[in-house]
Amino acid sequence: MPTDCTGKAPHTIKAMVLLIGNYSLDQQQSMQRFNAMMLHGLRECGVEAELVRPPAVLGRIRAFGATAAKWLGYIDKFILFQWRLWRKLAARPALVHICDHSNATYARSARKFPLVITCHDLLAVRGGLGEDTDCPASFTGRMLQRWILRGLRRADIIACDSRATAQDAERLLAREGDRPRISLVHVGLNFPYRHLPNDVVDARLRTIADLKYEERFVLHVGSNLRRKNREAVLRIFAKCADALDAQMVFTGDALNDSLRAQARDLHTTRCFTRRASKDSAGRLLRRRRAVAPSCAARPVRWRTSRAQEPCCTSQTMKKILRPICCDSPIPKSAGAGVPRRSRTRSDFPPRA
């Protein structure tokens, strides 16, 4: 965790901030890191803070299958956790911060306190409302997303970590007076990342099984969620594999059966998955030949770079994308949805 705080709180402030975190069995790694980052940052700034999250009790029971475990997890979240949350709220915190908008269902319990909710994206909410976001929802899922939306409307401040999310919040959250106030606050780094010498990186890469570290590779970081678009990444890599002469490395969730079957059908044998960790992902990023954008082969809508188009991080990826781009309204090839123009870092003006 970073140890420097950008602003020190006055020593006279003793008020406590109560952070509401995520259910551990949901395995939302990025959200768990964000919870810990908020707690650490507040304490480093001299603010008393406490992190509370739903207990993992009934959700651990797997004897009846994954579906039953999911519903038992809801008991953990919405019944067992309520008692713990009420006890914490009885301590009268000065501020309640729900660290992930998906937990806005707890907003009603915190209605007597100043309430901040960090909103990371509204894709699932929009999907629950029937919008096309590649986040399909069941009947009960739609009910849950509407519950989350009602909770967001109870907040005093919604902190959005992207401009696109802030625009969605402005559109979806009907306001009563000036509540909730919507602010754009970019998320900070949750790890003290730094450049490492090449020899150190090479030594660490040697420890990754199946990776031929001396060869080039294309890196995709993400999960098997549909919006991460691994299917398109496989199709693009299959088209470019001969010319590129590189490995395809997926960092994150292991490829599911459908993706493995697709890789076999495409005769894409030079790809493997590496379970993500901050250290291994950093090593791979340091020496990757190119980074495959998650949305490279779908129409540009959400989840793109700030320039609203695929942002290539190397000349190699720029060369890969350009030959396969086309303007067909119905995608017939891997790159049918990619805009003709792509950019590299050098195309952007330096930051002020």
Protein backbone atom coordinates (compact mmCIF):
# COMPACT_ATOMS: atom_id res chain seq x y z
CA MET A 1 0.00 0.00 0.00
CA PRO A 2 1.22 3.55 -0.66
CA THR A 3 2.34 5.20 2.54
CA ASP A 4 2.20 8.87 1.57
CA CYS A 5 -0.97 10.86 2.15
CA THR A 6 -1.72 13.86 -0.05
CA GLY A 7 -3.53 15.76 2.67
CA LYS A 8 -3.20 15.47 6.43
CA ALA A 9 -6.34 15.83 8.51
CA PRO A 10 -6.27 18.24 11.48
CA HIS A 11 -5.29 16.51 14.71
CA THR A 12 -8.49 17.71 16.34
CA ILE A 13 -10.64 15.51 14.08
CA LYS A 14 -11.63 12.35 15.94
CA ALA A 15 -14.81 11.50 14.04
CA MET A 16 -15.03 7.98 12.65
CA VAL A 17 -15.70 7.05 9.03
CA LEU A 18 -17.51 3.75 8.58
CA LEU A 19 -16.62 1.97 5.35
CA ILE A 20 -18.99 -0.68 4.02
CA GLY A 21 -17.05 -3.24 2.01
CA ASN A 22 -17.72 -6.24 -0.20
CA TYR A 23 -18.69 -9.82 0.55
CA SER A 24 -15.50 -11.87 0.40
CA LEU A 25 -17.08 -14.92 -1.28
CA ASP A 26 -18.04 -12.81 -4.31
CA GLN A 27 -14.28 -12.82 -5.08
CA GLN A 28 -14.28 -9.28 -6.42
CA GLN A 29 -10.54 -8.82 -6.16
CA SER A 30 -10.46 -5.23 -7.38
CA MET A 31 -13.19 -4.19 -4.95
CA GLN A 32 -11.47 -5.90 -2.03
CA ARG A 33 -8.31 -3.98 -2.87
CA PHE A 34 -10.29 -0.75 -3.14
CA ASN A 35 -11.84 -1.38 0.29
CA ALA A 36 -8.39 -1.90 1.81
CA MET A 37 -6.98 1.14 0.00
CA MET A 38 -9.71 3.40 1.39
CA LEU A 39 -9.20 2.12 4.92
CA HIS A 40 -5.42 2.47 4.72
CA GLY A 41 -5.59 5.92 3.13
CA LEU A 42 -7.97 7.36 5.70
CA ARG A 43 -5.88 6.07 8.59
CA GLU A 44 -2.70 7.40 7.00
CA CYS A 45 -4.38 10.80 6.86
CA GLY A 46 -5.16 10.68 10.57
CA VAL A 47 -8.86 9.88 10.20
CA GLU A 48 -10.30 7.15 12.38
CA ALA A 49 -11.92 4.60 10.09
CA GLU A 50 -13.38 1.12 10.29
CA LEU A 51 -14.22 -1.34 7.52
CA VAL A 52 -17.24 -3.60 7.94
CA ARG A 53 -18.37 -6.22 5.44
CA PRO A 54 -20.91 -9.06 5.24
CA PRO A 55 -19.79 -12.21 7.09
CA ALA A 56 -19.09 -15.29 4.99
CA VAL A 57 -21.17 -17.85 6.92
CA LEU A 58 -23.95 -19.61 5.03
CA GLY A 59 -22.44 -18.82 1.64
CA ARG A 60 -19.63 -21.24 2.41
CA ILE A 61 -22.06 -24.17 2.22
CA ARG A 62 -21.46 -25.71 -1.21
CA ALA A 63 -23.10 -29.10 -0.67
CA PHE A 64 -26.24 -28.08 -2.55
CA GLY A 65 -24.53 -26.53 -5.57
CA ALA A 66 -23.51 -23.06 -6.74
CA THR A 67 -27.06 -21.72 -7.13
CA ALA A 68 -28.01 -22.63 -3.57
CA ALA A 69 -24.72 -21.14 -2.32
CA LYS A 70 -25.56 -17.88 -4.09
CA TRP A 71 -28.91 -17.63 -2.35
CA LEU A 72 -27.38 -18.57 1.00
CA GLY A 73 -24.91 -15.76 0.36
CA TYR A 74 -27.83 -13.36 0.06
CA ILE A 75 -28.84 -14.37 3.61
CA ASP A 76 -25.31 -13.46 4.72
CA LYS A 77 -25.55 -10.10 2.96
CA PHE A 78 -29.08 -8.97 3.65
CA ILE A 79 -30.00 -10.61 6.97
CA LEU A 80 -26.94 -11.57 9.02
CA PHE A 81 -24.97 -8.48 7.99
CA GLN A 82 -27.82 -6.12 8.88
CA TRP A 83 -27.42 -6.92 12.55
CA ARG A 84 -23.68 -6.23 12.43
CA LEU A 85 -24.24 -3.03 10.46
CA TRP A 86 -26.82 -1.71 12.93
CA ARG A 87 -24.35 -2.28 15.79
CA LYS A 88 -21.67 -0.32 13.95
CA LEU A 89 -24.09 2.49 13.12
CA ALA A 90 -25.01 2.69 16.81
CA ALA A 91 -21.49 4.06 17.37
CA ARG A 92 -22.66 7.19 15.49
CA PRO A 93 -20.02 7.50 12.74
CA ALA A 94 -19.54 10.96 11.27
CA LEU A 95 -19.74 9.57 7.73
CA VAL A 96 -20.74 6.32 6.05
CA HIS A 97 -18.97 5.40 2.81
CA ILE A 98 -20.30 2.51 0.75
CA CYS A 99 -17.19 1.56 -1.21
CA ASP A 100 -18.98 -0.18 -4.09
CA HIS A 101 -22.25 0.91 -5.66
CA SER A 102 -23.44 -2.71 -5.78
CA ASN A 103 -23.82 -2.44 -1.99
CA ALA A 104 -26.14 0.57 -2.24
CA THR A 105 -28.80 -1.79 -0.90
CA TYR A 106 -27.48 -0.80 2.56
CA ALA A 107 -28.19 2.88 1.99
CA ARG A 108 -31.55 2.76 3.76
CA SER A 109 -29.90 1.53 6.97
CA ALA A 110 -27.51 4.51 6.84
CA ARG A 111 -30.18 7.09 5.98
CA LYS A 112 -29.62 9.04 9.23
CA PHE A 113 -25.94 9.63 8.45
CA PRO A 114 -24.05 11.57 5.77
CA LEU A 115 -23.65 8.99 3.02
CA VAL A 116 -21.09 8.71 0.22
CA ILE A 117 -21.22 5.93 -2.37
CA THR A 118 -18.41 5.20 -4.82
CA CYS A 119 -19.87 4.23 -8.18
CA HIS A 120 -17.44 2.28 -10.35
CA ASP A 121 -19.81 1.69 -13.26
CA LEU A 122 -23.54 1.35 -13.89
CA LEU A 123 -23.41 -1.40 -16.50
CA ALA A 124 -25.29 -3.96 -14.41
CA VAL A 125 -27.89 -1.37 -13.38
CA ARG A 126 -28.39 -0.36 -17.00
CA GLY A 127 -28.62 -4.02 -18.00
CA GLY A 128 -31.29 -4.53 -15.33
CA LEU A 129 -33.22 -1.64 -16.85
CA GLY A 130 -33.14 -3.30 -20.25
CA GLU A 131 -30.26 -1.39 -21.85
CA ASP A 132 -27.70 -3.22 -23.99
CA THR A 133 -24.56 -3.40 -21.86
CA ASP A 134 -23.63 -7.09 -22.17
CA CYS A 135 -24.84 -7.51 -18.57
CA PRO A 136 -27.98 -9.65 -18.94
CA ALA A 137 -30.15 -9.91 -15.83
CA SER A 138 -32.69 -12.48 -14.69
CA PHE A 139 -36.02 -11.45 -13.14
CA THR A 140 -34.53 -11.43 -9.65
CA GLY A 141 -31.41 -9.74 -11.02
CA ARG A 142 -33.54 -6.90 -12.38
CA MET A 143 -35.18 -6.53 -8.97
CA LEU A 144 -31.74 -6.33 -7.34
CA GLN A 145 -30.51 -3.67 -9.79
CA ARG A 146 -33.59 -1.53 -9.14
CA TRP A 147 -32.94 -1.89 -5.42
CA ILE A 148 -29.38 -0.71 -5.98
CA LEU A 149 -30.66 2.24 -8.01
CA ARG A 150 -33.01 3.28 -5.18
CA GLY A 151 -30.10 3.05 -2.76
CA LEU A 152 -27.95 5.29 -4.96
CA ARG A 153 -30.68 7.92 -4.90
CA ARG A 154 -30.50 8.01 -1.09
CA ALA A 155 -26.84 9.08 -1.08
CA ASP A 156 -25.65 12.60 -0.38
CA ILE A 157 -22.69 12.25 -2.74
CA ILE A 158 -22.01 9.79 -5.55
CA ALA A 159 -18.29 9.58 -6.36
CA CYS A 160 -17.90 8.25 -9.91
CA ASP A 161 -14.47 7.07 -11.02
CA SER A 162 -14.99 7.68 -14.74
CA ARG A 163 -16.63 10.34 -16.87
CA ALA A 164 -18.84 7.76 -18.59
CA THR A 165 -20.12 6.52 -15.23
CA ALA A 166 -20.80 10.08 -14.09
CA GLN A 167 -22.83 10.68 -17.23
CA ASP A 168 -24.82 7.51 -16.60
CA ALA A 169 -25.44 8.59 -13.01
CA GLU A 170 -26.63 12.03 -14.11
CA ARG A 171 -29.09 10.37 -16.47
CA LEU A 172 -30.39 7.58 -14.24
CA LEU A 173 -30.56 9.20 -10.81
CA ALA A 174 -33.63 11.40 -10.58
CA ARG A 175 -32.75 14.19 -8.18
CA GLU A 176 -34.61 15.62 -5.23
CA GLY A 177 -33.20 19.09 -4.79
CA ASP A 178 -29.42 18.82 -4.96
CA ARG A 179 -29.23 15.17 -3.84
CA PRO A 180 -27.35 13.16 -4.69
CA ARG A 181 -24.45 15.35 -5.72
CA ILE A 182 -22.43 13.59 -8.41
CA SER A 183 -18.67 14.07 -8.48
CA LEU A 184 -15.92 12.67 -10.70
CA VAL A 185 -13.08 11.22 -8.60
CA HIS A 186 -10.55 9.02 -10.38
CA VAL A 187 -9.40 5.96 -8.48
CA GLY A 188 -5.83 5.97 -7.21
CA LEU A 189 -3.31 3.13 -7.38
CA ASN A 190 -3.76 0.37 -4.83
CA PHE A 191 -0.14 -0.78 -5.02
CA PRO A 192 3.21 1.08 -5.14
CA TYR A 193 3.95 0.18 -8.76
CA ARG A 194 7.42 0.99 -10.08
CA HIS A 195 9.67 0.17 -13.01
CA LEU A 196 12.01 -2.77 -12.50
CA PRO A 197 15.31 -3.44 -14.30
CA ASN A 198 14.98 -5.88 -17.20
CA ASP A 199 17.21 -8.48 -15.55
CA VAL A 200 14.99 -8.49 -12.46
CA VAL A 201 11.87 -8.84 -14.61
CA ASP A 202 13.42 -11.69 -16.61
CA ALA A 203 14.37 -13.53 -13.43
CA ARG A 204 10.80 -13.28 -12.14
CA LEU A 205 9.24 -14.26 -15.46
CA ARG A 206 11.26 -17.47 -15.42
CA THR A 207 9.17 -18.58 -12.44
CA ILE A 208 5.88 -18.46 -14.42
CA ALA A 209 5.04 -21.95 -15.65
CA ASP A 210 4.29 -22.42 -19.38
CA LEU A 211 5.51 -18.95 -20.30
CA LYS A 212 8.40 -18.82 -22.75
CA TYR A 213 9.61 -15.55 -21.34
CA GLU A 214 12.26 -15.05 -24.02
CA GLU A 215 9.56 -14.96 -26.72
CA ARG A 216 7.14 -12.15 -27.44
CA PHE A 217 3.59 -12.29 -26.13
CA VAL A 218 0.31 -10.41 -26.27
CA LEU A 219 -1.30 -9.84 -22.87
CA HIS A 220 -5.00 -9.68 -22.03
CA VAL A 221 -5.94 -8.87 -18.43
CA GLY A 222 -9.49 -9.67 -17.38
CA SER A 223 -12.07 -12.32 -16.63
CA ASN A 224 -14.47 -14.47 -18.63
CA LEU A 225 -17.29 -11.95 -18.37
CA ARG A 226 -18.83 -11.29 -21.76
CA ARG A 227 -17.96 -7.60 -21.68
CA LYS A 228 -14.25 -8.48 -21.32
CA ASN A 229 -14.56 -9.82 -24.88
CA ARG A 230 -12.09 -12.69 -24.72
CA GLU A 231 -13.86 -14.30 -27.69
CA ALA A 232 -12.83 -11.40 -29.93
CA VAL A 233 -9.29 -11.42 -28.53
CA LEU A 234 -8.95 -15.08 -29.55
CA ARG A 235 -10.27 -14.37 -33.05
CA ILE A 236 -7.91 -11.42 -33.50
CA PHE A 237 -4.95 -13.41 -32.23
CA ALA A 238 -5.78 -16.33 -34.55
CA LYS A 239 -5.75 -13.99 -37.55
CA CYS A 240 -2.47 -12.39 -36.55
CA ALA A 241 -0.62 -15.31 -34.96
CA ASP A 242 1.50 -16.21 -37.99
CA ALA A 243 2.60 -12.67 -38.70
CA LEU A 244 3.07 -11.80 -35.05
CA ASP A 245 4.91 -14.97 -33.99
CA ALA A 246 3.98 -14.47 -30.35
CA GLN A 247 2.24 -16.13 -27.44
CA MET A 248 -1.21 -15.13 -26.20
CA VAL A 249 -1.30 -14.74 -22.43
CA PHE A 250 -4.58 -14.35 -20.54
CA THR A 251 -4.08 -13.06 -17.01
CA GLY A 252 -7.04 -13.57 -14.69
CA ASP A 253 -9.69 -16.27 -14.68
CA ALA A 254 -8.83 -19.52 -16.44
CA LEU A 255 -10.43 -19.86 -19.86
CA ASN A 256 -13.80 -21.56 -19.56
CA ASP A 257 -14.80 -24.59 -21.64
CA SER A 258 -16.43 -22.46 -24.33
CA LEU A 259 -13.31 -20.33 -24.82
CA ARG A 260 -11.05 -23.38 -24.83
CA ALA A 261 -13.22 -24.95 -27.51
CA GLN A 262 -13.05 -21.73 -29.51
CA ALA A 263 -9.26 -21.70 -29.22
CA ARG A 264 -9.13 -25.28 -30.52
CA ASP A 265 -11.48 -24.47 -33.40
CA LEU A 266 -9.26 -21.53 -34.34
CA HIS A 267 -6.14 -23.72 -34.04
CA THR A 268 -4.83 -21.21 -31.52
CA THR A 269 -2.51 -23.37 -29.47
CA ARG A 270 -0.04 -20.77 -28.27
CA CYS A 271 -2.17 -19.30 -25.54
CA PHE A 272 -2.49 -20.00 -21.83
CA THR A 273 -3.92 -18.44 -18.70
CA ARG A 274 -2.01 -17.13 -15.73
CA ARG A 275 -3.90 -16.58 -12.49
CA ALA A 276 -3.63 -12.87 -11.76
CA SER A 277 -1.72 -11.36 -8.89
CA LYS A 278 -0.38 -7.85 -8.56
CA ASP A 279 3.17 -9.14 -8.83
CA SER A 280 2.73 -11.48 -11.81
CA ALA A 281 0.52 -9.03 -13.73
CA GLY A 282 3.12 -6.32 -13.20
CA ARG A 283 5.90 -8.55 -14.49
CA LEU A 284 3.92 -9.44 -17.60
CA LEU A 285 2.97 -5.83 -18.29
CA ARG A 286 6.59 -4.79 -17.98
CA ARG A 287 7.72 -7.09 -20.80
CA ARG A 288 4.59 -7.56 -22.96
CA ARG A 289 4.86 -6.91 -26.67
CA ALA A 290 1.33 -5.55 -26.82
CA VAL A 291 -1.81 -5.24 -24.73
CA ALA A 292 -5.08 -6.45 -26.23
CA PRO A 293 -7.89 -4.00 -25.43
CA SER A 294 -10.89 -5.76 -23.89
CA CYS A 295 -13.30 -4.07 -26.29
CA ALA A 296 -11.15 -4.18 -29.42
CA ALA A 297 -13.65 -5.99 -31.62
CA ARG A 298 -16.99 -4.64 -30.49
CA PRO A 299 -18.70 -1.34 -31.34
CA VAL A 300 -17.27 1.51 -29.31
CA ARG A 301 -19.82 2.41 -26.65
CA TRP A 302 -18.64 2.01 -23.08
CA ARG A 303 -15.53 0.54 -21.55
CA THR A 304 -13.11 2.18 -23.95
CA SER A 305 -10.29 4.63 -23.48
CA ARG A 306 -10.88 8.30 -22.72
CA ALA A 307 -10.46 8.97 -26.44
CA GLN A 308 -13.54 6.76 -27.09
CA GLU A 309 -11.56 4.36 -29.24
CA PRO A 310 -9.16 1.48 -28.66
CA CYS A 311 -5.96 2.84 -27.14
CA CYS A 312 -2.93 0.85 -28.24
CA THR A 313 0.02 0.74 -25.90
CA SER A 314 2.58 -0.23 -28.52
CA GLN A 315 3.27 0.12 -32.22
CA THR A 316 2.85 -3.65 -32.54
CA MET A 317 -0.78 -3.60 -31.42
CA LYS A 318 -1.39 -0.61 -33.67
CA LYS A 319 -0.15 -2.67 -36.64
CA ILE A 320 -2.34 -5.60 -35.58
CA LEU A 321 -5.54 -3.59 -35.38
CA ARG A 322 -5.28 -1.54 -38.57
CA PRO A 323 -5.33 -4.38 -41.17
CA ILE A 324 -8.41 -6.06 -39.67
CA CYS A 325 -10.58 -2.97 -39.27
CA CYS A 326 -13.59 -2.60 -41.52
CA ASP A 327 -16.82 -0.64 -41.59
CA SER A 328 -19.33 -3.48 -42.04
CA PRO A 329 -22.51 -2.80 -40.03
CA ILE A 330 -22.81 -6.54 -39.34
CA PRO A 331 -19.56 -7.92 -37.93
CA LYS A 332 -18.29 -10.70 -40.21
CA SER A 333 -14.70 -10.72 -39.06
CA ALA A 334 -12.78 -10.35 -35.85
CA GLY A 335 -12.20 -6.65 -36.25
CA ALA A 336 -15.46 -5.59 -37.86
CA GLY A 337 -16.41 -3.34 -35.00
CA VAL A 338 -13.09 -1.58 -34.60
CA PRO A 339 -12.85 2.07 -35.71
CA ARG A 340 -10.39 2.58 -38.56
CA ARG A 341 -8.32 4.98 -36.54
CA SER A 342 -6.30 3.81 -33.57
CA ARG A 343 -3.81 5.66 -31.44
CA THR A 344 -0.63 4.95 -29.61
CA ARG A 345 0.63 6.77 -26.57
CA SER A 346 2.78 9.00 -28.75
CA ASP A 347 -0.35 10.31 -30.52
CA PHE A 348 -1.67 11.93 -27.36
CA PRO A 349 -0.50 15.37 -26.21
CA PRO A 350 1.53 15.39 -23.00
CA ARG A 351 -0.35 16.06 -19.81
CA ALA A 352 -0.12 19.53 -18.38
